[in-house]
Amino acid sequence: MADGAAGDIPHQSHHAGGTVDALDMGDNGHKGDFGEQFVRALAAVANLDASRRDRDRVGVDWQLGYPGRHGTRRYPSIDVQVKCWAPSHAQPPDTWHYPLRGKNYNWLAGRDYQLPRFLFLVVVPDKAEEWVHVSAENLLLRHAAYWACFHDKEPDCPDKSSRMVYVPRTNLLTVGALHDLFTDDFREMLVAS
């Protein structure tokens, strides 16, 4: 394999019939798909149902939920917007500074929603070849995902502009953190229906 450790994505694929040039990697569509699959893998481990939106008309990529136990809220759900990002410059040690498009910010901000909404920011290496490492012992996805909630903000950003949003590094998206996003704390921030 050229330019990679064993198990990393090769630049060329070898098989019995010869060598095949690898696909171009790292464009925005490719990066976005990786970010969504990263979140989907976490949701699967967290035993959450994940529904992909067919059309992105309201800034929701995935809806996550679970049946709920008898005597509790039935089928609690959250809406998620996923962004996959390789920072191009140094970041502060405690917070990711992410430039979010205005319309995406407006879809997340505010309280007038039926379901809690979250930004999931998947932070990846700059080179697509480093996003994943496969061995017989493990599948390693790099680097990590973080979450942010903007229910306490106003959806006041011009659609064609961008707004710097701050995602705390303490909001690491883990299985436990995913479960915590279903608590009533976030639901109570929304307008009562």
N, C-alpha and C. Protein backbone atom coordinates (compact mmCIF):
# COMPACT_ATOMS: atom_id res chain seq x y z
N MET A 1 0.82 -1.18 0.00
CA MET A 1 0.00 0.00 0.00
C MET A 1 0.87 1.25 0.00
N ALA A 2 0.48 2.23 -0.76
CA ALA A 2 1.23 3.47 -0.82
C ALA A 2 0.78 4.43 0.25
N ASP A 3 1.73 5.13 0.88
CA ASP A 3 1.45 6.23 1.80
C ASP A 3 0.52 5.90 2.96
N GLY A 4 0.42 4.70 3.42
CA GLY A 4 -0.49 4.44 4.54
C GLY A 4 -0.05 3.25 5.35
N ALA A 5 -0.45 3.23 6.59
CA ALA A 5 -0.19 2.09 7.45
C ALA A 5 -1.12 0.96 7.05
N ALA A 6 -0.76 -0.24 7.44
CA ALA A 6 -1.59 -1.39 7.12
C ALA A 6 -3.00 -1.16 7.64
N GLY A 7 -3.97 -1.41 6.79
CA GLY A 7 -5.36 -1.27 7.19
C GLY A 7 -5.97 0.08 6.83
N ASP A 8 -5.13 1.09 6.56
CA ASP A 8 -5.67 2.38 6.16
C ASP A 8 -6.17 2.30 4.74
N ILE A 9 -6.93 3.30 4.32
CA ILE A 9 -7.48 3.33 2.97
C ILE A 9 -6.34 3.43 1.98
N PRO A 10 -6.21 2.49 1.04
CA PRO A 10 -5.11 2.53 0.09
C PRO A 10 -5.37 3.53 -1.03
N HIS A 11 -4.28 3.96 -1.67
CA HIS A 11 -4.42 4.82 -2.83
C HIS A 11 -4.72 4.00 -4.08
N GLN A 12 -4.36 2.73 -4.05
CA GLN A 12 -4.71 1.81 -5.13
C GLN A 12 -5.23 0.53 -4.53
N SER A 13 -6.14 -0.11 -5.23
CA SER A 13 -6.70 -1.36 -4.77
C SER A 13 -6.13 -2.48 -5.63
N HIS A 14 -5.63 -3.53 -4.97
CA HIS A 14 -5.06 -4.66 -5.69
C HIS A 14 -5.97 -5.87 -5.53
N HIS A 15 -6.23 -6.55 -6.63
CA HIS A 15 -7.01 -7.78 -6.58
C HIS A 15 -6.50 -8.69 -7.68
N ALA A 16 -7.07 -9.86 -7.79
CA ALA A 16 -6.57 -10.87 -8.73
C ALA A 16 -6.55 -10.37 -10.17
N GLY A 17 -7.44 -9.45 -10.51
CA GLY A 17 -7.52 -8.97 -11.89
C GLY A 17 -6.58 -7.83 -12.20
N GLY A 18 -5.86 -7.27 -11.22
CA GLY A 18 -4.95 -6.16 -11.47
C GLY A 18 -5.12 -5.06 -10.44
N THR A 19 -4.73 -3.86 -10.82
CA THR A 19 -4.77 -2.70 -9.93
C THR A 19 -5.85 -1.74 -10.39
N VAL A 20 -6.61 -1.21 -9.42
CA VAL A 20 -7.66 -0.25 -9.72
C VAL A 20 -7.33 1.05 -9.00
N ASP A 21 -7.41 2.17 -9.71
CA ASP A 21 -7.18 3.46 -9.06
C ASP A 21 -8.28 3.71 -8.04
N ALA A 22 -7.90 4.26 -6.90
CA ALA A 22 -8.88 4.56 -5.85
C ALA A 22 -9.73 5.76 -6.25
N LEU A 23 -10.88 5.85 -5.63
CA LEU A 23 -11.76 6.98 -5.84
C LEU A 23 -11.17 8.23 -5.20
N ASP A 24 -11.53 9.38 -5.73
CA ASP A 24 -11.17 10.63 -5.07
C ASP A 24 -11.86 10.66 -3.71
N MET A 25 -11.15 11.17 -2.70
CA MET A 25 -11.72 11.19 -1.36
C MET A 25 -11.59 12.58 -0.76
N GLY A 26 -12.49 12.88 0.16
CA GLY A 26 -12.36 14.08 0.95
C GLY A 26 -13.18 15.26 0.48
N ASP A 27 -14.04 15.10 -0.53
CA ASP A 27 -14.88 16.24 -0.91
C ASP A 27 -15.98 16.42 0.13
N ASN A 28 -16.75 17.48 0.02
CA ASN A 28 -17.75 17.78 1.05
C ASN A 28 -18.81 16.69 1.18
N GLY A 29 -19.27 16.12 0.07
CA GLY A 29 -20.26 15.06 0.14
C GLY A 29 -19.71 13.83 0.84
N HIS A 30 -18.48 13.50 0.53
CA HIS A 30 -17.81 12.35 1.14
C HIS A 30 -17.63 12.58 2.64
N LYS A 31 -17.19 13.77 2.99
CA LYS A 31 -16.97 14.12 4.40
C LYS A 31 -18.30 14.11 5.15
N GLY A 32 -19.34 14.68 4.55
CA GLY A 32 -20.65 14.71 5.20
C GLY A 32 -21.20 13.32 5.44
N ASP A 33 -21.03 12.44 4.45
CA ASP A 33 -21.51 11.07 4.60
C ASP A 33 -20.76 10.35 5.72
N PHE A 34 -19.45 10.56 5.80
CA PHE A 34 -18.67 9.94 6.87
C PHE A 34 -19.17 10.42 8.23
N GLY A 35 -19.41 11.73 8.36
CA GLY A 35 -19.89 12.27 9.63
C GLY A 35 -21.22 11.65 10.04
N GLU A 36 -22.12 11.51 9.08
CA GLU A 36 -23.42 10.92 9.40
C GLU A 36 -23.29 9.46 9.79
N GLN A 37 -22.42 8.72 9.13
CA GLN A 37 -22.23 7.31 9.47
C GLN A 37 -21.53 7.16 10.82
N PHE A 38 -20.68 8.10 11.16
CA PHE A 38 -20.04 8.14 12.48
C PHE A 38 -21.13 8.23 13.56
N VAL A 39 -22.06 9.17 13.37
CA VAL A 39 -23.16 9.35 14.31
C VAL A 39 -24.06 8.12 14.32
N ARG A 40 -24.32 7.56 13.16
CA ARG A 40 -25.17 6.37 13.06
C ARG A 40 -24.57 5.20 13.83
N ALA A 41 -23.25 5.05 13.77
CA ALA A 41 -22.58 3.98 14.52
C ALA A 41 -22.74 4.20 16.02
N LEU A 42 -22.58 5.44 16.49
CA LEU A 42 -22.77 5.73 17.91
C LEU A 42 -24.21 5.43 18.33
N ALA A 43 -25.17 5.82 17.50
CA ALA A 43 -26.58 5.57 17.82
C ALA A 43 -26.87 4.08 17.91
N ALA A 44 -26.26 3.29 17.03
CA ALA A 44 -26.47 1.84 17.07
C ALA A 44 -25.94 1.25 18.37
N VAL A 45 -24.76 1.68 18.79
CA VAL A 45 -24.19 1.19 20.04
C VAL A 45 -25.05 1.64 21.23
N ALA A 46 -25.65 2.83 21.13
CA ALA A 46 -26.50 3.35 22.20
C ALA A 46 -27.89 2.73 22.19
N ASN A 47 -28.15 1.81 21.26
CA ASN A 47 -29.44 1.12 21.12
C ASN A 47 -30.58 2.10 20.82
N LEU A 48 -30.28 3.11 20.00
CA LEU A 48 -31.28 4.08 19.58
C LEU A 48 -31.74 3.78 18.16
N ASP A 49 -33.01 4.04 17.89
CA ASP A 49 -33.51 3.95 16.53
C ASP A 49 -33.08 5.23 15.81
N ALA A 50 -32.60 5.08 14.59
CA ALA A 50 -32.14 6.23 13.81
C ALA A 50 -32.88 6.25 12.48
N SER A 51 -33.54 7.37 12.20
CA SER A 51 -34.26 7.54 10.94
C SER A 51 -33.61 8.68 10.17
N ARG A 52 -33.22 8.38 8.95
CA ARG A 52 -32.59 9.37 8.08
C ARG A 52 -33.67 10.14 7.33
N ARG A 53 -33.57 11.44 7.29
CA ARG A 53 -34.51 12.25 6.53
C ARG A 53 -34.22 12.10 5.04
N ASP A 54 -35.25 11.86 4.24
CA ASP A 54 -35.07 11.75 2.80
C ASP A 54 -34.72 13.09 2.17
N ARG A 55 -35.32 14.16 2.69
CA ARG A 55 -35.07 15.49 2.16
C ARG A 55 -34.62 16.40 3.29
N ASP A 56 -33.60 17.19 3.03
CA ASP A 56 -33.10 18.12 4.03
C ASP A 56 -33.77 19.47 3.81
N ARG A 57 -34.99 19.62 4.34
CA ARG A 57 -35.75 20.85 4.16
C ARG A 57 -35.79 21.70 5.43
N VAL A 58 -35.50 21.09 6.56
CA VAL A 58 -35.60 21.82 7.83
C VAL A 58 -34.37 21.62 8.71
N GLY A 59 -33.25 21.28 8.11
CA GLY A 59 -32.01 21.18 8.87
C GLY A 59 -31.90 19.98 9.77
N VAL A 60 -32.66 18.92 9.50
CA VAL A 60 -32.59 17.71 10.31
C VAL A 60 -32.05 16.58 9.43
N ASP A 61 -30.92 16.03 9.84
CA ASP A 61 -30.34 14.90 9.11
C ASP A 61 -30.85 13.57 9.65
N TRP A 62 -30.92 13.46 10.97
CA TRP A 62 -31.34 12.22 11.62
C TRP A 62 -32.33 12.53 12.73
N GLN A 63 -33.26 11.62 12.92
CA GLN A 63 -34.10 11.64 14.12
C GLN A 63 -33.75 10.38 14.91
N LEU A 64 -33.40 10.58 16.17
CA LEU A 64 -33.03 9.46 17.04
C LEU A 64 -34.10 9.29 18.09
N GLY A 65 -34.39 8.05 18.44
CA GLY A 65 -35.41 7.79 19.44
C GLY A 65 -35.31 6.38 19.99
N TYR A 66 -36.18 6.09 20.96
CA TYR A 66 -36.29 4.74 21.51
C TYR A 66 -37.70 4.57 22.06
N PRO A 67 -38.15 3.32 22.26
CA PRO A 67 -39.55 3.09 22.63
C PRO A 67 -39.97 3.71 23.96
N GLY A 68 -39.10 3.76 24.93
CA GLY A 68 -39.50 4.26 26.25
C GLY A 68 -40.14 3.14 27.06
N ARG A 69 -39.91 3.16 28.35
CA ARG A 69 -40.46 2.14 29.24
C ARG A 69 -41.89 2.49 29.65
N HIS A 70 -42.64 1.48 30.02
CA HIS A 70 -44.01 1.70 30.50
C HIS A 70 -43.98 2.66 31.68
N GLY A 71 -44.88 3.61 31.67
CA GLY A 71 -44.94 4.58 32.74
C GLY A 71 -44.03 5.79 32.53
N THR A 72 -43.32 5.82 31.38
CA THR A 72 -42.46 6.96 31.05
C THR A 72 -42.97 7.58 29.75
N ARG A 73 -42.29 8.63 29.29
CA ARG A 73 -42.65 9.25 28.01
C ARG A 73 -42.51 8.22 26.90
N ARG A 74 -43.56 8.07 26.11
CA ARG A 74 -43.55 7.07 25.04
C ARG A 74 -42.80 7.60 23.83
N TYR A 75 -41.89 6.81 23.35
CA TYR A 75 -41.04 7.09 22.20
C TYR A 75 -40.46 8.51 22.19
N PRO A 76 -39.62 8.81 23.16
CA PRO A 76 -38.94 10.11 23.13
C PRO A 76 -37.99 10.17 21.93
N SER A 77 -37.92 11.33 21.29
CA SER A 77 -37.09 11.51 20.10
C SER A 77 -36.38 12.85 20.14
N ILE A 78 -35.27 12.93 19.41
CA ILE A 78 -34.55 14.18 19.21
C ILE A 78 -34.23 14.31 17.72
N ASP A 79 -34.07 15.55 17.26
CA ASP A 79 -33.64 15.83 15.89
C ASP A 79 -32.18 16.25 15.91
N VAL A 80 -31.46 15.83 14.87
CA VAL A 80 -30.01 16.06 14.84
C VAL A 80 -29.59 16.60 13.48
N GLN A 81 -28.77 17.64 13.51
CA GLN A 81 -28.08 18.13 12.32
C GLN A 81 -26.62 17.75 12.47
N VAL A 82 -26.05 17.08 11.47
CA VAL A 82 -24.68 16.59 11.55
C VAL A 82 -23.78 17.41 10.63
N LYS A 83 -22.67 17.88 11.17
CA LYS A 83 -21.65 18.55 10.37
C LYS A 83 -20.33 17.82 10.61
N CYS A 84 -19.61 17.56 9.54
CA CYS A 84 -18.30 16.90 9.62
C CYS A 84 -17.25 17.93 9.22
N TRP A 85 -16.20 18.05 10.00
CA TRP A 85 -15.29 19.18 9.86
C TRP A 85 -13.86 18.81 10.22
N ALA A 86 -12.94 19.28 9.39
CA ALA A 86 -11.51 19.19 9.68
C ALA A 86 -11.02 20.61 9.89
N PRO A 87 -10.74 21.01 11.14
CA PRO A 87 -10.33 22.39 11.41
C PRO A 87 -9.10 22.77 10.59
N SER A 88 -9.13 23.97 9.99
CA SER A 88 -8.02 24.41 9.14
C SER A 88 -6.99 25.24 9.91
N HIS A 89 -7.31 25.57 11.17
CA HIS A 89 -6.37 26.35 11.98
C HIS A 89 -6.47 25.89 13.44
N ALA A 90 -5.52 26.32 14.23
CA ALA A 90 -5.49 25.90 15.64
C ALA A 90 -6.76 26.34 16.36
N GLN A 91 -7.23 25.51 17.25
CA GLN A 91 -8.46 25.75 18.01
C GLN A 91 -8.12 25.88 19.50
N PRO A 92 -8.94 26.65 20.23
CA PRO A 92 -8.73 26.74 21.68
C PRO A 92 -8.85 25.35 22.32
N PRO A 93 -8.21 25.14 23.46
CA PRO A 93 -8.21 23.81 24.06
C PRO A 93 -9.55 23.38 24.65
N ASP A 94 -10.47 24.32 24.89
CA ASP A 94 -11.71 23.95 25.56
C ASP A 94 -12.96 24.03 24.69
N THR A 95 -12.86 24.65 23.50
CA THR A 95 -14.05 24.87 22.68
C THR A 95 -13.70 24.82 21.20
N TRP A 96 -14.56 24.16 20.44
CA TRP A 96 -14.44 24.20 18.98
C TRP A 96 -15.15 25.47 18.48
N HIS A 97 -14.50 26.22 17.62
CA HIS A 97 -15.10 27.40 16.98
C HIS A 97 -15.46 27.00 15.56
N TYR A 98 -16.74 26.76 15.33
CA TYR A 98 -17.18 26.23 14.03
C TYR A 98 -18.03 27.27 13.29
N PRO A 99 -17.68 27.59 12.03
CA PRO A 99 -18.48 28.54 11.24
C PRO A 99 -19.69 27.83 10.62
N LEU A 100 -20.86 28.05 11.20
CA LEU A 100 -22.10 27.40 10.76
C LEU A 100 -22.86 28.34 9.83
N ARG A 101 -23.34 27.84 8.72
CA ARG A 101 -24.13 28.65 7.79
C ARG A 101 -25.36 29.20 8.50
N GLY A 102 -25.75 30.41 8.11
CA GLY A 102 -26.86 31.10 8.75
C GLY A 102 -28.14 30.29 8.77
N LYS A 103 -28.51 29.70 7.63
CA LYS A 103 -29.77 28.95 7.61
C LYS A 103 -29.71 27.73 8.50
N ASN A 104 -28.54 27.09 8.60
CA ASN A 104 -28.39 25.94 9.48
C ASN A 104 -28.48 26.35 10.95
N TYR A 105 -27.90 27.50 11.27
CA TYR A 105 -28.01 28.02 12.63
C TYR A 105 -29.47 28.30 12.97
N ASN A 106 -30.19 28.95 12.06
CA ASN A 106 -31.59 29.30 12.31
C ASN A 106 -32.46 28.06 12.50
N TRP A 107 -32.11 26.97 11.84
CA TRP A 107 -32.86 25.73 11.99
C TRP A 107 -32.63 25.07 13.35
N LEU A 108 -31.54 25.44 14.02
CA LEU A 108 -31.22 24.86 15.32
C LEU A 108 -31.59 25.76 16.49
N ALA A 109 -31.56 27.08 16.26
CA ALA A 109 -31.75 28.03 17.35
C ALA A 109 -33.23 28.21 17.68
N GLY A 110 -33.47 28.60 18.91
CA GLY A 110 -34.82 28.92 19.34
C GLY A 110 -35.53 27.76 20.02
N ARG A 111 -36.76 28.05 20.44
CA ARG A 111 -37.53 27.12 21.26
C ARG A 111 -38.77 26.57 20.58
N ASP A 112 -39.11 27.06 19.41
CA ASP A 112 -40.40 26.74 18.80
C ASP A 112 -40.35 25.45 17.98
N TYR A 113 -40.03 24.35 18.64
CA TYR A 113 -39.95 23.04 17.99
C TYR A 113 -40.69 22.00 18.83
N GLN A 114 -41.16 20.97 18.19
CA GLN A 114 -41.80 19.87 18.91
C GLN A 114 -40.76 19.00 19.61
N LEU A 115 -39.59 18.84 18.97
CA LEU A 115 -38.55 17.97 19.51
C LEU A 115 -37.28 18.76 19.77
N PRO A 116 -36.52 18.37 20.77
CA PRO A 116 -35.22 19.01 20.98
C PRO A 116 -34.33 18.82 19.75
N ARG A 117 -33.55 19.85 19.42
CA ARG A 117 -32.65 19.81 18.26
C ARG A 117 -31.21 20.03 18.71
N PHE A 118 -30.31 19.31 18.05
CA PHE A 118 -28.90 19.38 18.41
C PHE A 118 -28.03 19.44 17.18
N LEU A 119 -26.90 20.13 17.31
CA LEU A 119 -25.83 20.06 16.33
C LEU A 119 -24.86 18.98 16.80
N PHE A 120 -24.54 18.04 15.93
CA PHE A 120 -23.49 17.07 16.19
C PHE A 120 -22.34 17.42 15.27
N LEU A 121 -21.22 17.82 15.84
CA LEU A 121 -20.04 18.21 15.08
C LEU A 121 -19.03 17.07 15.13
N VAL A 122 -18.80 16.43 13.99
CA VAL A 122 -17.84 15.33 13.89
C VAL A 122 -16.52 15.94 13.41
N VAL A 123 -15.50 15.88 14.25
CA VAL A 123 -14.21 16.47 13.95
C VAL A 123 -13.29 15.36 13.43
N VAL A 124 -12.75 15.57 12.23
CA VAL A 124 -11.95 14.54 11.55
C VAL A 124 -10.59 15.10 11.16
N PRO A 125 -9.63 14.20 10.87
CA PRO A 125 -8.35 14.67 10.31
C PRO A 125 -8.57 15.30 8.93
N ASP A 126 -7.63 16.09 8.51
CA ASP A 126 -7.72 16.77 7.22
C ASP A 126 -7.72 15.78 6.06
N LYS A 127 -6.93 14.73 6.16
CA LYS A 127 -6.80 13.74 5.07
C LYS A 127 -7.81 12.61 5.27
N ALA A 128 -8.61 12.35 4.25
CA ALA A 128 -9.62 11.29 4.33
C ALA A 128 -9.00 9.93 4.63
N GLU A 129 -7.77 9.72 4.18
CA GLU A 129 -7.10 8.44 4.42
C GLU A 129 -6.90 8.16 5.90
N GLU A 130 -7.00 9.21 6.73
CA GLU A 130 -6.78 9.06 8.17
C GLU A 130 -8.08 8.97 8.96
N TRP A 131 -9.22 9.02 8.30
CA TRP A 131 -10.50 8.99 9.01
C TRP A 131 -10.77 7.64 9.66
N VAL A 132 -10.23 6.57 9.09
CA VAL A 132 -10.54 5.23 9.58
C VAL A 132 -9.29 4.36 9.52
N HIS A 133 -9.19 3.45 10.46
CA HIS A 133 -8.14 2.43 10.45
C HIS A 133 -8.80 1.09 10.78
N VAL A 134 -8.51 0.11 9.96
CA VAL A 134 -9.12 -1.22 10.13
C VAL A 134 -8.03 -2.23 10.41
N SER A 135 -8.23 -3.05 11.42
CA SER A 135 -7.36 -4.18 11.69
C SER A 135 -8.24 -5.36 12.08
N ALA A 136 -7.63 -6.50 12.29
CA ALA A 136 -8.40 -7.68 12.71
C ALA A 136 -8.97 -7.49 14.10
N GLU A 137 -8.39 -6.59 14.90
CA GLU A 137 -8.84 -6.39 16.27
C GLU A 137 -9.86 -5.27 16.42
N ASN A 138 -9.84 -4.26 15.53
CA ASN A 138 -10.74 -3.13 15.75
C ASN A 138 -10.98 -2.33 14.47
N LEU A 139 -11.99 -1.50 14.57
CA LEU A 139 -12.29 -0.48 13.57
C LEU A 139 -12.19 0.84 14.31
N LEU A 140 -11.25 1.68 13.92
CA LEU A 140 -11.01 2.95 14.60
C LEU A 140 -11.50 4.08 13.69
N LEU A 141 -12.45 4.88 14.21
CA LEU A 141 -12.94 6.05 13.49
C LEU A 141 -12.31 7.28 14.13
N ARG A 142 -11.75 8.17 13.33
CA ARG A 142 -11.09 9.36 13.86
C ARG A 142 -11.87 10.60 13.46
N HIS A 143 -11.96 11.57 14.33
CA HIS A 143 -11.47 11.62 15.70
C HIS A 143 -12.64 11.41 16.66
N ALA A 144 -13.54 12.39 16.72
CA ALA A 144 -14.62 12.32 17.70
C ALA A 144 -15.76 13.25 17.29
N ALA A 145 -16.91 13.09 17.97
CA ALA A 145 -18.07 13.95 17.73
C ALA A 145 -18.41 14.68 19.02
N TYR A 146 -18.97 15.88 18.85
CA TYR A 146 -19.35 16.74 19.97
C TYR A 146 -20.75 17.27 19.69
N TRP A 147 -21.46 17.65 20.74
CA TRP A 147 -22.83 18.14 20.56
C TRP A 147 -22.98 19.55 21.11
N ALA A 148 -23.94 20.27 20.53
CA ALA A 148 -24.29 21.61 21.01
C ALA A 148 -25.80 21.80 20.86
N CYS A 149 -26.37 22.61 21.75
CA CYS A 149 -27.79 22.94 21.74
C CYS A 149 -27.93 24.45 21.73
N PHE A 150 -28.82 24.98 20.88
CA PHE A 150 -29.01 26.42 20.76
C PHE A 150 -30.44 26.84 21.06
N HIS A 151 -31.14 26.09 21.90
CA HIS A 151 -32.52 26.45 22.25
C HIS A 151 -32.60 27.81 22.92
N ASP A 152 -31.54 28.21 23.60
CA ASP A 152 -31.56 29.49 24.32
C ASP A 152 -31.09 30.66 23.45
N LYS A 153 -30.89 30.45 22.16
CA LYS A 153 -30.45 31.49 21.23
C LYS A 153 -31.60 31.87 20.30
N GLU A 154 -31.47 33.03 19.67
CA GLU A 154 -32.48 33.49 18.71
C GLU A 154 -32.08 33.08 17.30
N PRO A 155 -33.04 32.63 16.48
CA PRO A 155 -32.75 32.30 15.08
C PRO A 155 -32.71 33.57 14.23
N ASP A 156 -31.66 34.36 14.40
CA ASP A 156 -31.62 35.70 13.81
C ASP A 156 -30.45 35.92 12.85
N CYS A 157 -29.90 34.85 12.32
CA CYS A 157 -28.74 34.97 11.43
C CYS A 157 -29.21 35.01 9.98
N PRO A 158 -28.78 35.99 9.17
CA PRO A 158 -29.16 35.98 7.75
C PRO A 158 -28.76 34.66 7.09
N ASP A 159 -29.68 34.09 6.32
CA ASP A 159 -29.48 32.75 5.75
C ASP A 159 -28.18 32.60 4.96
N LYS A 160 -27.78 33.61 4.23
CA LYS A 160 -26.61 33.48 3.35
C LYS A 160 -25.31 33.84 4.05
N SER A 161 -25.38 34.18 5.32
CA SER A 161 -24.16 34.50 6.08
C SER A 161 -23.74 33.26 6.87
N SER A 162 -22.83 33.44 7.80
CA SER A 162 -22.46 32.35 8.70
C SER A 162 -22.30 32.93 10.10
N ARG A 163 -22.38 32.06 11.06
CA ARG A 163 -22.23 32.46 12.46
C ARG A 163 -21.24 31.51 13.11
N MET A 164 -20.32 32.07 13.87
CA MET A 164 -19.38 31.24 14.61
C MET A 164 -20.13 30.66 15.81
N VAL A 165 -20.18 29.34 15.90
CA VAL A 165 -20.79 28.71 17.05
C VAL A 165 -19.69 28.05 17.87
N TYR A 166 -19.95 27.93 19.15
CA TYR A 166 -18.95 27.42 20.09
C TYR A 166 -19.44 26.10 20.67
N VAL A 167 -18.68 25.06 20.39
CA VAL A 167 -19.05 23.72 20.82
C VAL A 167 -18.05 23.27 21.88
N PRO A 168 -18.48 23.17 23.13
CA PRO A 168 -17.55 22.79 24.21
C PRO A 168 -16.97 21.39 23.99
N ARG A 169 -15.69 21.27 24.19
CA ARG A 169 -15.05 19.95 24.05
C ARG A 169 -15.49 19.00 25.16
N THR A 170 -16.04 19.55 26.23
CA THR A 170 -16.59 18.68 27.28
C THR A 170 -17.86 17.98 26.80
N ASN A 171 -18.47 18.47 25.72
CA ASN A 171 -19.68 17.85 25.17
C ASN A 171 -19.32 16.73 24.18
N LEU A 172 -18.40 15.89 24.59
CA LEU A 172 -18.00 14.74 23.77
C LEU A 172 -19.20 13.82 23.59
N LEU A 173 -19.47 13.43 22.37
CA LEU A 173 -20.63 12.58 22.10
C LEU A 173 -20.23 11.12 22.32
N THR A 174 -20.70 10.59 23.43
CA THR A 174 -20.48 9.19 23.79
C THR A 174 -21.85 8.52 23.88
N VAL A 175 -21.88 7.23 24.14
CA VAL A 175 -23.15 6.54 24.32
C VAL A 175 -23.92 7.15 25.49
N GLY A 176 -23.23 7.40 26.60
CA GLY A 176 -23.88 8.01 27.76
C GLY A 176 -24.38 9.41 27.46
N ALA A 177 -23.59 10.19 26.73
CA ALA A 177 -24.01 11.55 26.37
C ALA A 177 -25.23 11.51 25.45
N LEU A 178 -25.27 10.57 24.53
CA LEU A 178 -26.45 10.43 23.66
C LEU A 178 -27.70 10.18 24.50
N HIS A 179 -27.60 9.27 25.46
CA HIS A 179 -28.75 8.99 26.33
C HIS A 179 -29.17 10.24 27.11
N ASP A 180 -28.18 11.02 27.56
CA ASP A 180 -28.48 12.22 28.34
C ASP A 180 -29.24 13.28 27.55
N LEU A 181 -29.11 13.27 26.23
CA LEU A 181 -29.80 14.27 25.40
C LEU A 181 -31.31 14.04 25.36
N PHE A 182 -31.78 12.92 25.88
CA PHE A 182 -33.20 12.62 25.93
C PHE A 182 -33.86 13.05 27.25
N THR A 183 -33.09 13.63 28.15
CA THR A 183 -33.67 14.04 29.43
C THR A 183 -34.62 15.21 29.24
N ASP A 184 -35.49 15.42 30.22
CA ASP A 184 -36.48 16.49 30.15
C ASP A 184 -35.85 17.89 30.17
N ASP A 185 -34.60 18.00 30.59
CA ASP A 185 -33.95 19.31 30.64
C ASP A 185 -34.02 20.02 29.29
N PHE A 186 -33.77 19.30 28.20
CA PHE A 186 -33.78 19.91 26.87
C PHE A 186 -35.21 20.11 26.38
N ARG A 187 -36.08 19.19 26.66
CA ARG A 187 -37.48 19.31 26.24
C ARG A 187 -38.15 20.51 26.92
N GLU A 188 -37.80 20.76 28.17
CA GLU A 188 -38.41 21.86 28.91
C GLU A 188 -37.99 23.22 28.38
N MET A 189 -36.91 23.27 27.60
CA MET A 189 -36.47 24.53 27.01
C MET A 189 -37.34 24.93 25.82
N LEU A 190 -38.12 24.01 25.31
CA LEU A 190 -38.95 24.27 24.13
C LEU A 190 -40.29 24.85 24.52
N VAL A 191 -40.94 25.49 23.55
CA VAL A 191 -42.28 26.05 23.77
C VAL A 191 -43.25 24.91 24.01
N ALA A 192 -44.10 25.04 25.01
CA ALA A 192 -45.10 24.00 25.27
C ALA A 192 -46.12 24.01 24.13
N SER A 193 -46.51 22.80 23.70
CA SER A 193 -47.46 22.73 22.57
C SER A 193 -48.89 22.69 23.06
